Each structure stands twice: as structure tokens, then as C-alpha cells.
Protein backbone atom coordinates (compact mmCIF):
# COMPACT_ATOMS: atom_id res chain seq x y z
CA UNK A 1 -91.85 -15.61 10.56
CA UNK A 2 -91.12 -12.09 9.12
CA UNK A 3 -88.64 -11.81 6.40
CA UNK A 4 -85.77 -9.54 5.73
CA UNK A 5 -85.92 -7.62 2.42
CA UNK A 6 -83.59 -5.29 0.75
CA UNK A 7 -85.12 -2.33 -1.33
CA UNK A 8 -83.57 0.59 -3.35
CA UNK A 9 -85.07 4.19 -4.17
CA UNK A 10 -83.95 6.69 -6.61
CA UNK A 11 -85.26 10.25 -6.59
CA UNK A 12 -84.34 13.80 -7.85
CA UNK A 13 -85.11 17.29 -8.38
CA UNK A 14 -84.28 19.57 -11.14
CA UNK A 15 -84.75 23.25 -10.53
CA UNK A 16 -84.29 26.57 -12.43
CA UNK A 17 -85.38 29.42 -10.23
CA UNK A 18 -84.93 33.04 -11.22
CA UNK A 19 -85.38 35.60 -8.63
CA UNK A 20 -85.71 39.35 -9.30
CA UNK A 21 -86.21 40.88 -6.00
CA UNK A 22 -86.07 44.78 -6.28
CA UNK A 23 -86.24 45.03 -2.24
CA UNK A 24 -83.53 42.33 -1.56
CA UNK A 25 -80.81 42.98 -4.28
CA UNK A 26 -78.49 40.50 -2.53
CA UNK A 27 -80.99 37.83 -2.98
CA UNK A 28 -81.79 38.77 -6.63
CA UNK A 29 -80.29 35.69 -8.47
CA UNK A 30 -80.67 32.45 -10.18
CA UNK A 31 -80.89 29.29 -8.33
CA UNK A 32 -80.26 26.30 -10.75
CA UNK A 33 -79.32 22.56 -10.71
CA UNK A 34 -80.15 18.97 -10.10
CA UNK A 35 -80.47 16.97 -6.80
CA UNK A 36 -80.08 13.14 -7.23
CA UNK A 37 -80.67 10.73 -4.16
CA UNK A 38 -80.11 6.93 -4.50
CA UNK A 39 -80.37 5.15 -1.12
CA UNK A 40 -80.74 0.98 -0.01
CA UNK A 41 -83.26 0.13 2.76
CA UNK A 42 -82.90 -2.97 4.98
CA UNK A 43 -86.36 -3.97 6.10
CA UNK A 44 -85.99 -5.99 9.09
CA UNK A 45 -89.54 -6.69 9.40
CA UNK A 46 -92.78 -4.78 8.47
CA UNK A 47 -92.01 -2.22 11.17
CA UNK A 48 -88.33 -1.68 11.55
CA UNK A 49 -85.83 -0.51 8.59
CA UNK A 50 -82.40 0.91 8.10
CA UNK A 51 -81.75 3.04 5.03
CA UNK A 52 -78.22 4.25 3.62
CA UNK A 53 -77.37 6.36 0.75
CA UNK A 54 -76.45 9.78 -0.74
CA UNK A 55 -78.16 12.88 -1.78
CA UNK A 56 -75.80 15.30 -4.30
CA UNK A 57 -76.46 18.51 -5.75
CA UNK A 58 -74.88 19.87 -9.01
CA UNK A 59 -75.39 23.54 -9.86
CA UNK A 60 -75.54 24.13 -13.56
CA UNK A 61 -71.95 25.31 -14.79
CA UNK A 62 -70.34 24.53 -11.25
CA UNK A 63 -66.76 23.37 -10.98
CA UNK A 64 -66.29 21.01 -9.12
CA UNK A 65 -69.27 19.05 -10.47
CA UNK A 66 -70.94 18.07 -7.17
CA UNK A 67 -71.48 21.11 -4.96
CA UNK A 68 -71.74 18.76 -1.79
CA UNK A 69 -72.85 15.22 -1.33
CA UNK A 70 -75.13 14.87 1.80
CA UNK A 71 -75.19 11.14 3.22
CA UNK A 72 -78.26 9.39 3.83
CA UNK A 73 -78.27 7.09 6.79
CA UNK A 74 -81.15 6.44 9.38
CA UNK A 75 -83.29 3.85 11.37
CA UNK A 76 -87.15 4.22 10.63
CA UNK A 77 -90.03 2.51 12.66
CA UNK A 78 -93.30 2.78 10.96
CA UNK A 79 -96.86 1.52 11.83
CA UNK A 80 -100.40 2.68 11.45
CA UNK A 81 -99.91 5.34 14.09
CA UNK A 82 -96.31 6.32 14.52
CA UNK A 83 -93.25 6.97 12.49
CA UNK A 84 -90.07 7.81 13.97
CA UNK A 85 -86.85 8.32 12.12
CA UNK A 86 -83.47 8.81 13.63
CA UNK A 87 -80.31 9.88 11.46
CA UNK A 88 -79.99 11.81 8.69
CA UNK A 89 -82.97 11.53 6.30
CA UNK A 90 -84.88 13.52 3.51
CA UNK A 91 -87.09 16.16 4.57
CA UNK A 92 -89.29 15.75 1.76
CA UNK A 93 -92.74 14.37 2.75
CA UNK A 94 -92.16 15.25 6.51
CA UNK A 95 -91.78 18.91 7.00
CA UNK A 96 -91.68 20.42 3.48
CA UNK A 97 -95.22 21.96 3.93
CA UNK A 98 -94.15 24.66 6.42
CA UNK A 99 -95.01 28.09 5.84
CA UNK A 100 -92.33 30.04 4.18
CA UNK A 101 -92.34 32.82 6.89
CA UNK A 102 -90.79 29.88 9.15
CA UNK A 103 -88.73 27.68 6.77
CA UNK A 104 -87.61 29.15 3.32
CA UNK A 105 -88.07 27.29 0.29
CA UNK A 106 -84.40 27.31 -0.72
CA UNK A 107 -83.88 24.75 2.08
CA UNK A 108 -85.20 22.03 -0.52
CA UNK A 109 -82.42 22.99 -2.75
CA UNK A 110 -79.40 23.16 -0.17
CA UNK A 111 -80.51 21.30 2.70
CA UNK A 112 -82.30 18.34 1.71
CA UNK A 113 -82.26 16.24 5.18
CA UNK A 114 -83.02 16.56 8.81
CA UNK A 115 -80.00 15.53 10.68
CA UNK A 116 -81.43 14.17 13.92
CA UNK A 117 -84.89 12.92 15.09
CA UNK A 118 -88.51 12.89 13.72
CA UNK A 119 -91.68 11.53 15.38
CA UNK A 120 -95.19 11.64 13.99
CA UNK A 121 -98.51 10.37 15.38
CA UNK A 122 -101.54 10.08 13.24
CA UNK A 123 -104.91 9.08 14.56
CA UNK A 124 -107.11 8.53 11.80
CA UNK A 125 -110.19 8.01 14.04
CA UNK A 126 -109.93 11.33 15.50
CA UNK A 127 -108.43 13.05 12.34
CA UNK A 128 -105.44 14.32 14.36
CA UNK A 129 -101.57 14.21 13.46
CA UNK A 130 -98.97 15.84 15.61
CA UNK A 131 -95.25 16.07 14.48
CA UNK A 132 -92.07 16.90 16.48
CA UNK A 133 -88.59 16.83 15.15
CA UNK A 134 -85.14 18.23 16.07
CA UNK A 135 -82.49 19.19 13.24
CA UNK A 136 -78.65 19.76 14.26
CA UNK A 137 -77.52 22.55 11.79
CA UNK A 138 -74.07 22.91 13.00
CA UNK A 139 -72.02 20.91 15.66
CA UNK A 140 -69.98 22.61 18.20
CA UNK A 141 -66.18 22.64 17.82
CA UNK A 142 -63.49 25.36 18.92
CA UNK A 143 -64.50 27.69 16.31
CA UNK A 144 -67.93 26.21 15.14
CA UNK A 145 -71.14 27.41 16.78
CA UNK A 146 -73.78 24.96 17.94
CA UNK A 147 -76.91 25.22 16.41
CA UNK A 148 -80.05 23.27 16.15
CA UNK A 149 -83.83 23.55 14.93
CA UNK A 150 -86.56 22.18 17.04
CA UNK A 151 -90.12 22.04 15.67
CA UNK A 152 -93.95 21.23 16.26
CA UNK A 153 -96.72 20.69 13.52
CA UNK A 154 -100.00 19.43 13.89
CA UNK A 155 -103.52 19.43 12.16
CA UNK A 156 -106.99 18.52 13.27
CA UNK A 157 -110.20 18.21 11.58
CA UNK A 158 -113.09 17.94 13.93
CA UNK A 159 -115.51 16.38 11.57
CA UNK A 160 -114.08 14.11 9.07
CA UNK A 161 -116.51 14.91 6.43
CA UNK A 162 -116.69 18.47 7.04
CA UNK A 163 -114.55 21.34 5.61
CA UNK A 164 -112.99 22.90 8.69
CA UNK A 165 -109.53 22.26 10.21
CA UNK A 166 -107.05 23.76 12.35
CA UNK A 167 -103.32 23.47 12.13
CA UNK A 168 -100.27 25.01 13.82
CA UNK A 169 -96.47 25.22 13.19
CA UNK A 170 -93.66 26.16 15.22
CA UNK A 171 -90.01 26.30 14.66
CA UNK A 172 -87.14 27.46 17.03
CA UNK A 173 -83.32 27.98 16.39
CA UNK A 174 -80.88 27.52 19.36
CA UNK A 175 -77.59 29.35 18.46
CA UNK A 176 -74.95 28.76 20.93
CA UNK A 177 -71.37 29.63 21.19
CA UNK A 178 -68.23 27.94 20.01
CA UNK A 179 -66.32 25.90 22.55
CA UNK A 180 -63.62 28.79 23.00
CA UNK A 181 -65.78 31.78 23.42
CA UNK A 182 -65.10 35.14 21.91
CA UNK A 183 -65.93 38.46 23.16
CA UNK A 184 -69.50 39.71 23.03
CA UNK A 185 -70.63 36.29 22.12
CA UNK A 186 -74.21 35.58 23.18
CA UNK A 187 -76.80 32.73 22.94
CA UNK A 188 -79.32 33.43 20.49
CA UNK A 189 -83.08 31.88 20.32
CA UNK A 190 -85.05 32.70 17.17
CA UNK A 191 -88.14 31.21 15.67
CA UNK A 192 -91.82 31.61 15.17
CA UNK A 193 -95.15 30.03 15.21
CA UNK A 194 -98.52 30.04 13.45
CA UNK A 195 -102.13 28.89 13.96
CA UNK A 196 -104.32 28.68 11.08
CA UNK A 197 -108.11 27.92 10.68
CA UNK A 198 -108.74 26.50 7.27
CA UNK A 199 -111.48 25.60 4.85
CA UNK A 200 -110.83 22.40 2.48
CA UNK A 201 -113.68 22.79 -0.17
CA UNK A 202 -111.87 20.66 -2.81
CA UNK A 203 -114.91 18.20 -3.18
CA UNK A 204 -117.62 20.89 -3.09
CA UNK A 205 -117.08 23.04 -6.24
CA UNK A 206 -115.97 22.11 -9.84
CA UNK A 207 -112.51 23.00 -9.08
CA UNK A 208 -110.07 20.10 -8.18
CA UNK A 209 -108.93 21.74 -5.10
CA UNK A 210 -109.75 24.83 -3.05
CA UNK A 211 -108.46 25.70 0.31
CA UNK A 212 -108.53 28.83 2.32
CA UNK A 213 -106.73 29.62 5.60
CA UNK A 214 -106.35 32.49 7.91
CA UNK A 215 -104.56 32.94 11.27
CA UNK A 216 -102.08 34.48 13.01
CA UNK A 217 -98.21 34.53 13.24
CA UNK A 218 -95.70 35.39 16.45
CA UNK A 219 -91.92 35.32 15.65
CA UNK A 220 -89.56 35.22 18.57
CA UNK A 221 -86.04 36.50 18.86
CA UNK A 222 -83.93 36.79 21.92
CA UNK A 223 -80.12 37.51 22.31
CA UNK A 224 -79.55 36.46 25.97
CA UNK A 225 -77.71 38.82 28.15
CA UNK A 226 -78.69 41.64 25.85
CA UNK A 227 -82.06 42.23 25.07
CA UNK A 228 -85.58 40.86 26.33
CA UNK A 229 -87.53 38.37 24.17
CA UNK A 230 -88.85 40.36 21.12
CA UNK A 231 -92.46 38.68 19.72
CA UNK A 232 -93.86 40.84 16.76
CA UNK A 233 -97.04 39.65 15.87
CA UNK A 234 -98.96 39.37 12.37
CA UNK A 235 -102.04 38.24 10.43
CA UNK A 236 -101.40 35.40 7.84
CA UNK A 237 -104.00 34.22 5.29
CA UNK A 238 -103.72 32.05 2.19
CA UNK A 239 -105.69 30.47 -0.69
CA UNK A 240 -105.12 27.93 -2.96
CA UNK A 241 -107.02 26.53 -5.91
CA UNK A 242 -106.54 24.06 -9.03
CA UNK A 243 -108.12 22.89 -12.02
CA UNK A 244 -106.70 20.22 -14.37
CA UNK A 245 -103.04 21.40 -14.76
CA UNK A 246 -103.50 25.18 -13.48
CA UNK A 247 -103.31 26.41 -9.94
CA UNK A 248 -103.13 29.61 -8.13
CA UNK A 249 -101.77 30.30 -4.70
CA UNK A 250 -101.93 33.51 -2.92
CA UNK A 251 -100.56 34.32 0.78
CA UNK A 252 -101.13 37.62 2.52
CA UNK A 253 -99.16 38.92 5.57
CA UNK A 254 -99.89 42.09 7.72
CA UNK A 255 -98.63 43.28 10.66
CA UNK A 256 -95.35 43.89 12.57
CA UNK A 257 -92.18 42.42 10.65
CA UNK A 258 -90.74 39.03 11.73
CA UNK A 259 -87.35 38.33 11.84
CA UNK A 260 -86.89 34.59 11.39
CA UNK A 261 -83.48 33.39 10.31
CA UNK A 262 -84.57 30.44 8.45
CA UNK A 263 -87.81 32.05 7.19
CA UNK A 264 -88.36 33.80 3.96
CA UNK A 265 -87.13 37.60 4.41
CA UNK A 266 -90.07 39.03 2.71
CA UNK A 267 -92.05 38.41 6.05
CA UNK A 268 -89.52 40.86 7.67
CA UNK A 269 -91.86 43.71 5.99
CA UNK A 270 -95.03 44.93 7.64
CA UNK A 271 -96.93 44.05 4.46
CA UNK A 272 -96.35 41.45 1.96
CA UNK A 273 -98.45 39.54 -0.65
CA UNK A 274 -97.15 36.52 -2.68
CA UNK A 275 -99.16 35.32 -5.76
CA UNK A 276 -97.95 32.23 -7.65
CA UNK A 277 -99.39 31.06 -11.05
CA UNK A 278 -98.56 27.12 -11.52
CA UNK A 279 -98.63 25.26 -14.75
CA UNK A 280 -98.06 21.48 -14.49
CA UNK A 281 -97.62 20.49 -18.27
CA UNK A 282 -95.37 17.19 -17.35
CA UNK A 283 -97.32 14.78 -15.45
CA UNK A 284 -96.50 10.82 -15.41
CA UNK A 285 -96.08 8.02 -13.14
CA UNK A 286 -93.84 9.43 -10.21
CA UNK A 287 -92.77 12.53 -12.17
CA UNK A 288 -94.14 16.15 -12.28
CA UNK A 289 -92.81 19.16 -13.89
CA UNK A 290 -93.98 22.81 -12.80
CA UNK A 291 -93.65 26.30 -14.06
CA UNK A 292 -94.16 28.63 -11.54
CA UNK A 293 -94.54 32.65 -12.05
CA UNK A 294 -94.69 34.45 -8.97
CA UNK A 295 -95.23 38.34 -8.03
CA UNK A 296 -94.01 39.41 -4.87
CA UNK A 297 -95.76 42.88 -3.43
CA UNK A 298 -94.29 44.82 -0.49
CA UNK A 299 -94.74 48.65 0.38
CA UNK A 300 -93.01 50.51 -2.45
CA UNK A 301 -91.95 47.39 -4.40
CA UNK A 302 -92.93 44.81 -6.64
CA UNK A 303 -90.82 41.78 -7.58
CA UNK A 304 -91.12 38.70 -9.96
CA UNK A 305 -89.96 35.42 -9.72
CA UNK A 306 -89.94 32.50 -12.56
CA UNK A 307 -89.16 28.93 -11.79
CA UNK A 308 -89.33 25.48 -13.33
CA UNK A 309 -89.15 22.47 -11.13
CA UNK A 310 -89.00 18.87 -12.03
CA UNK A 311 -89.52 16.23 -9.45
CA UNK A 312 -89.32 12.40 -9.83
CA UNK A 313 -89.09 9.40 -7.76
CA UNK A 314 -89.20 5.74 -8.86
CA UNK A 315 -90.62 4.36 -5.81
CA UNK A 316 -89.20 1.70 -3.47
CA UNK A 317 -88.22 -1.50 -5.43
CA UNK A 318 -87.43 -4.73 -3.47
CA UNK A 319 -84.14 -6.33 -4.79
CA UNK A 320 -83.69 -9.15 -2.44
CA UNK A 321 -85.30 -11.34 0.25
CA UNK A 322 -83.66 -13.02 3.07
CA UNK A 323 -85.08 -15.69 5.13
């Protein structure tokens, strides 16, 4: 007979992110603060769980103390092939690996949860993963617009022992009007997609990690009743290498500028290169602290960014058992 258990999890993110953007002066600012999350999970059996809690953010020096408290409340089904979540649940570990051209990296600071549905299928025998999700951004009222994001992500590795893999990402924002329409108000669809071919050479060199990817991106933008679908295209490539506590990440973008509302604005340029130098001096069980120095290069501008991030997760701890 399956036992019902109660567990608790505590996690957090501390960040100090200074951005000196010469080509985006309005975004040249410092993001700083701490996110803390506490939740309790009621596990009906080994497959079904209900989780409730809260995720709060405090920005350094801010009054009132908490800028916002996001509720955590969701149902989760999980077996060896499927993961299904319904409710308000953390994006960390689920969709936090999307390219910045599609989902920008400030979402982890200010929008930590997915509010909707998430479904992931994993076939370990075929080395295949596919993910689908929907995230409600804004609920329609008389004055507030109806907005939601839908996304797809997948990865396939033909040879489990080989370095080659293919991955894809897709995000689309549906932005509809408020219940009481205003003049010249139109429905907008905006998003983008990437397909990448990759090589994971992590265990074939002296480096701890080495991966190289290249592919294409298309962004999508349409204001219904005003214009036709706009679909600018570009080439994307990235490389990541790490050794001990040092790492370098480089991403290159060239082509037509992409206007993706939830993506990073740098990709609106026809050329963009991002170079990260990463040092991880603080490593312990369930804790990691990183310094990241970034150089952004666009036509006519060179910008810089310095960040420190501390992440910790105590892991789920069982605190009670019910027969």
C-alpha cells in the first residue's frame, strides 16, 4: 500500500547584475536582490503530488521590503517517461535553458513561475526529449489584456555514445485586447523559433565541458488587421567550455534583426556577439556562487556587464509520513 508523505523544500537566488549598455541606455541599470522560495509537498504516492508555498523577491534597498510574493500551488505527476505540472510552479529546471533571443535572462529575477501547464516526455532508449508548456502572463479584465505564452522544446541524440545532437526551441506570445475594446486595438502574435545542431565533446578532451552549436532562428510578429506576418531570419552559433571553476560562453548572431517581446533586445540588431567569462569560486552541496563578466558587441557599440549570482537549494526533505 502506497504511503502519503509530506516534504519541504527551501531554495533561493541572490543576484547583483550591473549592466552598462551603450546601445540600450534605458536598460543600462543594476538589478540586485534576493529571491527565497519555501514550499510543502504532499505526495499521495510515488507518482502524484500537490505542492503549495511562496516565492518572494526583495530588491536591495527597496521599501516595502518585498517587491512581490508569488504563490506556488500546483499538481505534479512524474514517472520515468512523463512530467506533468498544472498550476503555479517554478520555471527553474524546466524552461530556464532557452536561448536569450527567445526568453531573456531577467525572467529568473522577476517572473520565477510558470502559471499554467507543463508537459515533458523523455524516452531514454531513443535519447529523445520533448517539452510543451503554456504560461498565462495577463488575465483579461475590462482594462487588462489577455496574454499568454506557449512554448515547445526538444532534443534528440541519434547515437547515445556519439557527440552529435539536434535541438529546437519555440515561443509564441498571444496578446489580445481587454474585455472593453479601445480604438485601434489589435490582437498581436509575437515569438520565435530556433533549430540547432550541436556537438557535445565534454568527455573527449581535457576540458570538463565542451559543446558547440550552430543553427538558424526565425522570429514571428503580426498585428492582426494591420500588417502581414513578419518573419526575419538569422544565423546563430554558440560555444561553451569549462575547466575546473572557470568557463567561457560565446554566442554569435547575424542576419535580420529579431523583435521578440520576451527575448533580449540585443537580438534586434543585425549583428550581435556575447562573450561571458565565468568564475565559480563558491561551490558546496546544493550551493553555487558565480562571477560573470560579459562583453556585448553590436555594430558601433561595445557594452559590458558584471554579475554575481548565488543559488542554493536545500532539496526536498521528508518531514512526515501518513499511513
